[in-house]
């Protein structure tokens, strides 16, 4: 049995870390504005702590992403074929995206 090509879990981990960093920065801005509006000297009860990802969770996320992309390509190819096109274009992806997101 041939091994299916999938996304590298390290790549998925780097994407997650970037998303976590952006979320933490956004949360920090929100807390700063809330502290300025509240009483002076009040401190936040939330503490920043590092976020970790389990190796199995990263593998599962990579597989889910592979499955999502493969399904998107198959659905877009079906639309393109029905229109008589041999190439998948952005409009084909735009047409299948709403239902794809509902299905996943």
N, C-alpha and C. Protein backbone atom coordinates (compact mmCIF):
# COMPACT_ATOMS: atom_id res chain seq x y z
N UNK A 1 0.83 -1.17 0.00
CA UNK A 1 0.00 0.00 0.00
C UNK A 1 0.89 1.24 0.00
N UNK A 2 0.63 2.15 -0.90
CA UNK A 2 1.42 3.36 -1.03
C UNK A 2 0.97 4.38 0.01
N UNK A 3 1.96 5.02 0.64
CA UNK A 3 1.65 6.02 1.66
C UNK A 3 1.12 7.29 1.00
N UNK A 4 0.00 7.80 1.53
CA UNK A 4 -0.60 9.02 0.99
C UNK A 4 0.22 10.23 1.40
N UNK A 5 0.31 11.17 0.50
CA UNK A 5 1.01 12.42 0.81
C UNK A 5 0.13 13.25 1.72
N UNK A 6 0.72 13.80 2.75
CA UNK A 6 -0.03 14.61 3.71
C UNK A 6 0.80 15.84 4.07
N UNK A 7 0.24 16.71 4.86
CA UNK A 7 0.95 17.90 5.31
C UNK A 7 1.89 17.51 6.44
N UNK A 8 3.01 18.20 6.52
CA UNK A 8 4.00 17.94 7.56
C UNK A 8 3.47 18.45 8.90
N UNK A 9 3.44 17.60 9.92
CA UNK A 9 2.96 18.05 11.23
C UNK A 9 3.74 19.25 11.78
N UNK A 10 5.03 19.36 11.43
CA UNK A 10 5.81 20.51 11.88
C UNK A 10 5.29 21.80 11.26
N UNK A 11 4.86 21.72 10.00
CA UNK A 11 4.27 22.89 9.34
C UNK A 11 2.96 23.28 10.04
N UNK A 12 2.15 22.30 10.35
CA UNK A 12 0.89 22.55 11.05
C UNK A 12 1.17 23.18 12.41
N UNK A 13 2.20 22.69 13.10
CA UNK A 13 2.55 23.24 14.41
C UNK A 13 2.97 24.70 14.29
N UNK A 14 3.75 25.03 13.27
CA UNK A 14 4.17 26.43 13.07
C UNK A 14 2.97 27.33 12.75
N UNK A 15 2.03 26.82 11.98
CA UNK A 15 0.81 27.58 11.68
C UNK A 15 0.01 27.81 12.96
N UNK A 16 -0.13 26.78 13.78
CA UNK A 16 -0.85 26.91 15.05
C UNK A 16 -0.16 27.92 15.96
N UNK A 17 1.18 27.86 16.05
CA UNK A 17 1.91 28.79 16.91
C UNK A 17 1.71 30.23 16.45
N UNK A 18 1.69 30.44 15.14
CA UNK A 18 1.46 31.78 14.61
C UNK A 18 0.06 32.26 14.99
N UNK A 19 -0.93 31.38 14.85
CA UNK A 19 -2.31 31.73 15.21
C UNK A 19 -2.42 32.01 16.70
N UNK A 20 -1.75 31.21 17.53
CA UNK A 20 -1.79 31.42 18.98
C UNK A 20 -1.14 32.74 19.35
N UNK A 21 -0.02 33.07 18.69
CA UNK A 21 0.69 34.31 18.97
C UNK A 21 -0.19 35.51 18.62
N UNK A 22 -0.85 35.45 17.47
CA UNK A 22 -1.75 36.54 17.07
C UNK A 22 -2.91 36.68 18.05
N UNK A 23 -3.47 35.56 18.47
CA UNK A 23 -4.59 35.59 19.42
C UNK A 23 -4.16 36.17 20.76
N UNK A 24 -2.94 35.81 21.21
CA UNK A 24 -2.43 36.35 22.47
C UNK A 24 -2.20 37.85 22.37
N UNK A 25 -1.69 38.31 21.24
CA UNK A 25 -1.46 39.74 21.05
C UNK A 25 -2.79 40.49 21.05
N UNK A 26 -3.80 39.91 20.39
CA UNK A 26 -5.13 40.52 20.35
C UNK A 26 -5.73 40.57 21.75
N UNK A 27 -5.57 39.49 22.49
CA UNK A 27 -6.08 39.43 23.86
C UNK A 27 -5.37 40.46 24.73
N UNK A 28 -4.07 40.63 24.53
CA UNK A 28 -3.32 41.62 25.29
C UNK A 28 -3.80 43.03 25.03
N UNK A 29 -4.10 43.34 23.77
CA UNK A 29 -4.62 44.66 23.44
C UNK A 29 -5.98 44.89 24.10
N UNK A 30 -6.83 43.87 24.07
CA UNK A 30 -8.15 43.99 24.69
C UNK A 30 -8.04 44.18 26.20
N UNK A 31 -7.14 43.44 26.85
CA UNK A 31 -6.96 43.58 28.29
C UNK A 31 -6.41 44.95 28.64
N UNK A 32 -5.52 45.47 27.81
CA UNK A 32 -4.95 46.79 28.06
C UNK A 32 -6.03 47.86 28.01
N UNK A 33 -6.89 47.78 27.00
CA UNK A 33 -7.95 48.78 26.89
C UNK A 33 -8.97 48.62 28.03
N UNK A 34 -9.24 47.40 28.47
CA UNK A 34 -10.15 47.19 29.59
C UNK A 34 -9.55 47.72 30.89
N UNK A 35 -8.24 47.53 31.09
CA UNK A 35 -7.59 48.02 32.30
C UNK A 35 -7.57 49.53 32.34
N UNK A 36 -7.46 50.17 31.19
CA UNK A 36 -7.45 51.63 31.15
C UNK A 36 -8.83 52.18 31.51
N UNK A 37 -9.88 51.45 31.18
CA UNK A 37 -11.24 51.88 31.47
C UNK A 37 -11.65 51.59 32.91
N UNK A 38 -11.02 50.58 33.51
CA UNK A 38 -11.39 50.21 34.87
C UNK A 38 -10.56 51.00 35.87
N UNK A 39 -10.70 50.65 37.13
CA UNK A 39 -9.99 51.35 38.20
C UNK A 39 -8.49 51.17 38.06
N UNK A 40 -7.76 52.18 38.50
CA UNK A 40 -6.31 52.11 38.49
C UNK A 40 -5.87 51.09 39.53
N UNK A 41 -4.92 50.25 39.16
CA UNK A 41 -4.41 49.26 40.09
C UNK A 41 -5.10 47.92 40.00
N UNK A 42 -6.18 47.82 39.27
CA UNK A 42 -6.86 46.53 39.12
C UNK A 42 -6.04 45.66 38.19
N UNK A 43 -5.85 44.43 38.57
CA UNK A 43 -5.06 43.53 37.72
C UNK A 43 -5.95 42.44 37.15
N UNK A 44 -5.52 41.90 36.05
CA UNK A 44 -6.28 40.86 35.38
C UNK A 44 -6.05 39.52 36.08
N UNK A 45 -7.08 38.72 36.18
CA UNK A 45 -6.95 37.42 36.81
C UNK A 45 -6.40 36.37 35.84
N UNK A 46 -6.42 36.70 34.55
CA UNK A 46 -5.90 35.77 33.55
C UNK A 46 -4.39 35.91 33.46
N UNK A 47 -3.72 34.81 33.39
CA UNK A 47 -2.27 34.83 33.24
C UNK A 47 -1.93 34.26 31.88
N UNK A 48 -0.91 34.81 31.29
CA UNK A 48 -0.48 34.27 30.00
C UNK A 48 0.34 33.02 30.27
N UNK A 49 0.05 32.00 29.55
CA UNK A 49 0.79 30.76 29.69
C UNK A 49 1.01 30.19 28.29
N UNK A 50 2.07 29.45 28.10
CA UNK A 50 2.36 28.91 26.78
C UNK A 50 1.33 27.85 26.37
N UNK A 51 1.10 27.76 25.09
CA UNK A 51 0.17 26.77 24.56
C UNK A 51 0.99 25.69 23.86
N UNK A 52 0.67 24.46 24.15
CA UNK A 52 1.40 23.34 23.57
C UNK A 52 0.47 22.50 22.71
N UNK A 53 1.08 21.72 21.80
CA UNK A 53 0.30 20.82 20.96
C UNK A 53 0.88 19.41 21.07
N UNK A 54 0.02 18.46 21.28
CA UNK A 54 0.39 17.06 21.34
C UNK A 54 0.77 16.58 19.94
N UNK A 55 1.77 15.72 19.84
CA UNK A 55 2.24 15.22 18.54
C UNK A 55 1.11 14.50 17.79
N UNK A 56 0.29 13.74 18.51
CA UNK A 56 -0.82 13.04 17.85
C UNK A 56 -1.88 14.02 17.35
N UNK A 57 -2.09 15.10 18.10
CA UNK A 57 -3.05 16.12 17.67
C UNK A 57 -2.55 16.81 16.39
N UNK A 58 -1.25 17.02 16.30
CA UNK A 58 -0.69 17.63 15.09
C UNK A 58 -0.83 16.70 13.88
N UNK A 59 -0.59 15.42 14.11
CA UNK A 59 -0.76 14.45 13.01
C UNK A 59 -2.22 14.39 12.56
N UNK A 60 -3.12 14.41 13.51
CA UNK A 60 -4.54 14.37 13.19
C UNK A 60 -4.96 15.64 12.45
N UNK A 61 -4.45 16.78 12.88
CA UNK A 61 -4.76 18.05 12.21
C UNK A 61 -4.23 18.06 10.79
N UNK A 62 -3.03 17.51 10.60
CA UNK A 62 -2.46 17.42 9.26
C UNK A 62 -3.31 16.53 8.36
N UNK A 63 -3.79 15.43 8.90
CA UNK A 63 -4.64 14.51 8.13
C UNK A 63 -5.98 15.16 7.80
N UNK A 64 -6.56 15.89 8.75
CA UNK A 64 -7.81 16.58 8.51
C UNK A 64 -7.66 17.63 7.42
N UNK A 65 -6.56 18.37 7.45
CA UNK A 65 -6.30 19.37 6.43
C UNK A 65 -6.11 18.71 5.06
N UNK A 66 -5.41 17.58 5.02
CA UNK A 66 -5.23 16.85 3.76
C UNK A 66 -6.57 16.40 3.20
N UNK A 67 -7.41 15.88 4.07
CA UNK A 67 -8.73 15.42 3.66
C UNK A 67 -9.58 16.58 3.15
N UNK A 68 -9.52 17.72 3.84
CA UNK A 68 -10.28 18.90 3.44
C UNK A 68 -9.85 19.39 2.06
N UNK A 69 -8.55 19.48 1.84
CA UNK A 69 -8.03 19.96 0.55
C UNK A 69 -8.37 18.98 -0.57
N UNK A 70 -8.24 17.69 -0.31
CA UNK A 70 -8.57 16.69 -1.32
C UNK A 70 -10.05 16.77 -1.71
N UNK A 71 -10.91 16.93 -0.73
CA UNK A 71 -12.35 17.04 -1.00
C UNK A 71 -12.66 18.31 -1.78
N UNK A 72 -12.00 19.41 -1.44
CA UNK A 72 -12.21 20.67 -2.17
C UNK A 72 -11.79 20.51 -3.62
N UNK A 73 -10.69 19.86 -3.86
CA UNK A 73 -10.21 19.65 -5.24
C UNK A 73 -11.18 18.76 -6.01
N UNK A 74 -11.65 17.70 -5.39
CA UNK A 74 -12.59 16.80 -6.07
C UNK A 74 -13.89 17.51 -6.42
N UNK A 75 -14.43 18.28 -5.49
CA UNK A 75 -15.69 18.98 -5.75
C UNK A 75 -15.51 20.06 -6.82
N UNK A 76 -14.42 20.80 -6.74
CA UNK A 76 -14.16 21.84 -7.74
C UNK A 76 -13.93 21.22 -9.11
N UNK A 77 -13.28 20.07 -9.16
CA UNK A 77 -13.06 19.38 -10.43
C UNK A 77 -14.38 18.93 -11.04
N UNK A 78 -15.30 18.49 -10.22
CA UNK A 78 -16.62 18.09 -10.71
C UNK A 78 -17.34 19.27 -11.35
N UNK A 79 -17.28 20.43 -10.71
CA UNK A 79 -17.92 21.64 -11.24
C UNK A 79 -17.25 22.05 -12.54
N UNK A 80 -15.92 22.02 -12.56
CA UNK A 80 -15.17 22.40 -13.76
C UNK A 80 -15.50 21.47 -14.92
N UNK A 81 -15.58 20.19 -14.63
CA UNK A 81 -15.89 19.20 -15.67
C UNK A 81 -17.31 19.41 -16.21
N UNK A 82 -18.24 19.72 -15.34
CA UNK A 82 -19.62 19.97 -15.77
C UNK A 82 -19.71 21.19 -16.68
N UNK A 83 -18.80 22.14 -16.48
CA UNK A 83 -18.78 23.33 -17.33
C UNK A 83 -17.93 23.13 -18.58
N UNK A 84 -17.32 21.96 -18.72
CA UNK A 84 -16.51 21.67 -19.90
C UNK A 84 -15.09 22.22 -19.82
N UNK A 85 -14.64 22.55 -18.63
CA UNK A 85 -13.29 23.08 -18.45
C UNK A 85 -12.35 21.97 -18.01
N UNK A 86 -11.08 22.11 -18.38
CA UNK A 86 -10.08 21.12 -17.97
C UNK A 86 -9.24 21.63 -16.81
N UNK A 87 -9.46 22.88 -16.41
CA UNK A 87 -8.72 23.47 -15.30
C UNK A 87 -9.68 23.90 -14.19
N UNK A 88 -9.21 23.76 -12.96
CA UNK A 88 -9.97 24.26 -11.82
C UNK A 88 -9.57 25.72 -11.62
N UNK A 89 -10.57 26.58 -11.61
CA UNK A 89 -10.31 28.00 -11.42
C UNK A 89 -10.90 28.46 -10.09
N UNK A 90 -10.55 29.68 -9.72
CA UNK A 90 -11.01 30.21 -8.43
C UNK A 90 -12.54 30.22 -8.35
N UNK A 91 -13.20 30.48 -9.45
CA UNK A 91 -14.67 30.51 -9.43
C UNK A 91 -15.26 29.14 -9.08
N UNK A 92 -14.59 28.08 -9.49
CA UNK A 92 -15.07 26.74 -9.14
C UNK A 92 -14.94 26.51 -7.63
N UNK A 93 -13.82 26.96 -7.07
CA UNK A 93 -13.64 26.82 -5.62
C UNK A 93 -14.63 27.69 -4.85
N UNK A 94 -14.90 28.88 -5.37
CA UNK A 94 -15.88 29.76 -4.72
C UNK A 94 -17.26 29.14 -4.69
N UNK A 95 -17.60 28.41 -5.72
CA UNK A 95 -18.93 27.80 -5.78
C UNK A 95 -19.09 26.63 -4.83
N UNK A 96 -18.02 25.88 -4.58
CA UNK A 96 -18.14 24.70 -3.71
C UNK A 96 -17.85 25.02 -2.24
N UNK A 97 -17.22 26.14 -1.98
CA UNK A 97 -16.78 26.45 -0.62
C UNK A 97 -17.88 26.51 0.43
N UNK A 98 -19.01 27.17 0.20
CA UNK A 98 -20.04 27.22 1.26
C UNK A 98 -20.50 25.83 1.73
N UNK A 99 -20.81 24.95 0.80
CA UNK A 99 -21.27 23.62 1.18
C UNK A 99 -20.15 22.80 1.80
N UNK A 100 -18.92 22.97 1.29
CA UNK A 100 -17.78 22.26 1.85
C UNK A 100 -17.57 22.62 3.31
N UNK A 101 -17.65 23.91 3.61
CA UNK A 101 -17.48 24.35 5.00
C UNK A 101 -18.59 23.82 5.90
N UNK A 102 -19.80 23.72 5.37
CA UNK A 102 -20.90 23.14 6.16
C UNK A 102 -20.69 21.64 6.40
N UNK A 103 -20.12 20.96 5.41
CA UNK A 103 -19.91 19.52 5.52
C UNK A 103 -18.78 19.17 6.48
N UNK A 104 -17.81 20.04 6.60
CA UNK A 104 -16.69 19.79 7.50
C UNK A 104 -16.96 20.45 8.83
